[in-house]
Amino acid sequence: MNQNQTLNSPEATAEIRFEQGWNLTPAGTTNPLCYWSHVHFEGDPKWGKELWTLFVALDKAPELHQQVYHAKIFFMAPNAPHHFFRPGQKFELCVGPKVKAQGVVKELCS
């Protein structure tokens, strides 16, 4: 059972672009392909009032100069705004006030 199955949280796939190379915080699991970040979705009227954490699971290890990654994403909280998981939805991954990456939701996972 993975962490997402425990949370019973909807998943999506996303394309994530890093201008400075991979730089997210490991998720504290034994899986080196799992990371987390705070997320800001484009058009979210509650940005700055609510903070959500996104779990990012890569299919292969990050490479030094790679800028674009494909990943499975899901929220760390079951009451998160899952309505933002729709194809074409843009988002930013943030650590504190600093934007680390920009992404777009590709599709919902079944």
Protein backbone atom coordinates (compact mmCIF):
# COMPACT_ATOMS: atom_id res chain seq x y z
CA MET A 1 0.00 0.00 0.00
CA ASN A 2 1.44 3.37 -0.94
CA GLN A 3 0.84 6.65 0.87
CA ASN A 4 -1.75 7.79 -1.67
CA GLN A 5 -3.84 4.67 -1.16
CA THR A 6 -3.80 5.38 2.55
CA LEU A 7 -5.08 8.91 1.98
CA ASN A 8 -7.54 7.75 -0.69
CA SER A 9 -6.75 10.94 -2.56
CA PRO A 10 -7.36 11.47 -6.30
CA GLU A 11 -4.23 11.43 -8.46
CA ALA A 12 -3.26 13.18 -11.66
CA THR A 13 -0.26 13.21 -13.97
CA ALA A 14 1.61 16.43 -14.57
CA GLU A 15 4.45 17.92 -16.56
CA ILE A 16 6.70 19.99 -14.30
CA ARG A 17 9.38 22.44 -15.49
CA PHE A 18 12.31 23.56 -13.35
CA GLU A 19 14.39 26.49 -14.58
CA GLN A 20 17.25 25.69 -12.16
CA GLY A 21 17.11 21.89 -12.24
CA TRP A 22 15.43 19.59 -9.75
CA ASN A 23 15.20 21.20 -6.31
CA LEU A 24 12.27 19.82 -4.26
CA THR A 25 12.37 18.47 -0.71
CA PRO A 26 12.34 14.66 -0.35
CA ALA A 27 9.07 13.40 1.10
CA GLY A 28 10.69 11.68 4.08
CA THR A 29 9.98 8.21 2.73
CA THR A 30 12.42 5.50 1.73
CA ASN A 31 11.48 6.06 -1.91
CA PRO A 32 14.02 8.43 -3.55
CA LEU A 33 11.48 9.33 -6.25
CA CYS A 34 8.98 10.92 -3.85
CA TYR A 35 8.94 14.62 -3.03
CA TRP A 36 6.57 17.26 -1.66
CA SER A 37 6.01 20.95 -2.19
CA HIS A 38 3.46 23.63 -1.44
CA VAL A 39 1.34 24.34 -4.48
CA HIS A 40 -0.39 27.37 -5.98
CA PHE A 41 -2.94 26.72 -8.72
CA GLU A 42 -3.56 29.40 -11.32
CA GLY A 43 -6.89 31.12 -10.63
CA ASP A 44 -7.14 29.95 -7.02
CA PRO A 45 -9.06 32.72 -5.20
CA LYS A 46 -7.88 31.37 -1.82
CA TRP A 47 -4.15 31.69 -2.63
CA GLY A 48 -2.44 33.25 0.37
CA LYS A 49 -5.32 32.27 2.68
CA GLU A 50 -4.97 28.48 2.44
CA LEU A 51 -1.82 26.42 1.97
CA TRP A 52 -1.81 22.98 0.37
CA THR A 53 0.95 20.42 0.06
CA LEU A 54 1.33 18.38 -3.11
CA PHE A 55 3.05 14.99 -3.20
CA VAL A 56 5.14 14.52 -6.36
CA ALA A 57 6.12 10.98 -7.42
CA LEU A 58 8.60 10.70 -10.28
CA ASP A 59 8.87 7.66 -12.52
CA LYS A 60 12.68 7.98 -12.70
CA ALA A 61 15.37 9.73 -10.69
CA PRO A 62 16.05 13.43 -11.34
CA GLU A 63 19.05 14.21 -13.53
CA LEU A 64 21.44 17.09 -12.98
CA HIS A 65 20.52 19.28 -15.97
CA GLN A 66 17.04 17.96 -16.76
CA GLN A 67 14.38 20.68 -16.68
CA VAL A 68 11.12 18.90 -17.56
CA TYR A 69 9.71 15.99 -15.55
CA HIS A 70 6.61 13.86 -15.74
CA ALA A 71 5.16 12.88 -12.40
CA LYS A 72 2.12 11.59 -10.60
CA ILE A 73 0.74 14.17 -8.16
CA PHE A 74 -1.71 14.11 -5.30
CA PHE A 75 -2.56 16.20 -2.26
CA MET A 76 -1.35 15.34 1.22
CA ALA A 77 -4.76 16.20 2.76
CA PRO A 78 -8.09 14.56 1.87
CA ASN A 79 -10.01 17.87 2.07
CA ALA A 80 -7.70 19.63 -0.43
CA PRO A 81 -9.09 21.40 -3.53
CA HIS A 82 -9.11 18.38 -5.88
CA HIS A 83 -11.20 20.31 -8.40
CA PHE A 84 -7.91 21.81 -9.62
CA PHE A 85 -6.88 18.38 -10.95
CA ARG A 86 -8.17 18.97 -14.46
CA PRO A 87 -6.24 18.72 -17.74
CA GLY A 88 -4.56 21.99 -18.66
CA GLN A 89 -4.66 23.44 -15.13
CA LYS A 90 -1.43 25.36 -14.45
CA PHE A 91 0.30 25.45 -11.08
CA GLU A 92 3.47 26.55 -9.30
CA LEU A 93 5.46 24.53 -6.77
CA CYS A 94 6.69 26.76 -3.96
CA VAL A 95 9.02 26.56 -0.99
CA GLY A 96 8.11 29.46 1.24
CA PRO A 97 7.56 32.49 -0.99
CA LYS A 98 9.93 31.19 -3.68
CA VAL A 99 8.55 29.51 -6.83
CA LYS A 100 10.66 26.42 -7.56
CA ALA A 101 8.82 25.04 -10.61
CA GLN A 102 5.84 25.48 -12.91
CA GLY A 103 3.60 22.68 -14.04
CA VAL A 104 0.47 21.70 -15.86
CA VAL A 105 -1.94 18.89 -15.06
CA LYS A 106 -2.03 16.41 -17.95
CA GLU A 107 -4.74 13.91 -16.97
CA LEU A 108 -6.56 12.33 -14.07
CA CYS A 109 -5.51 8.85 -13.04
CA SER A 110 -8.14 6.18 -12.78
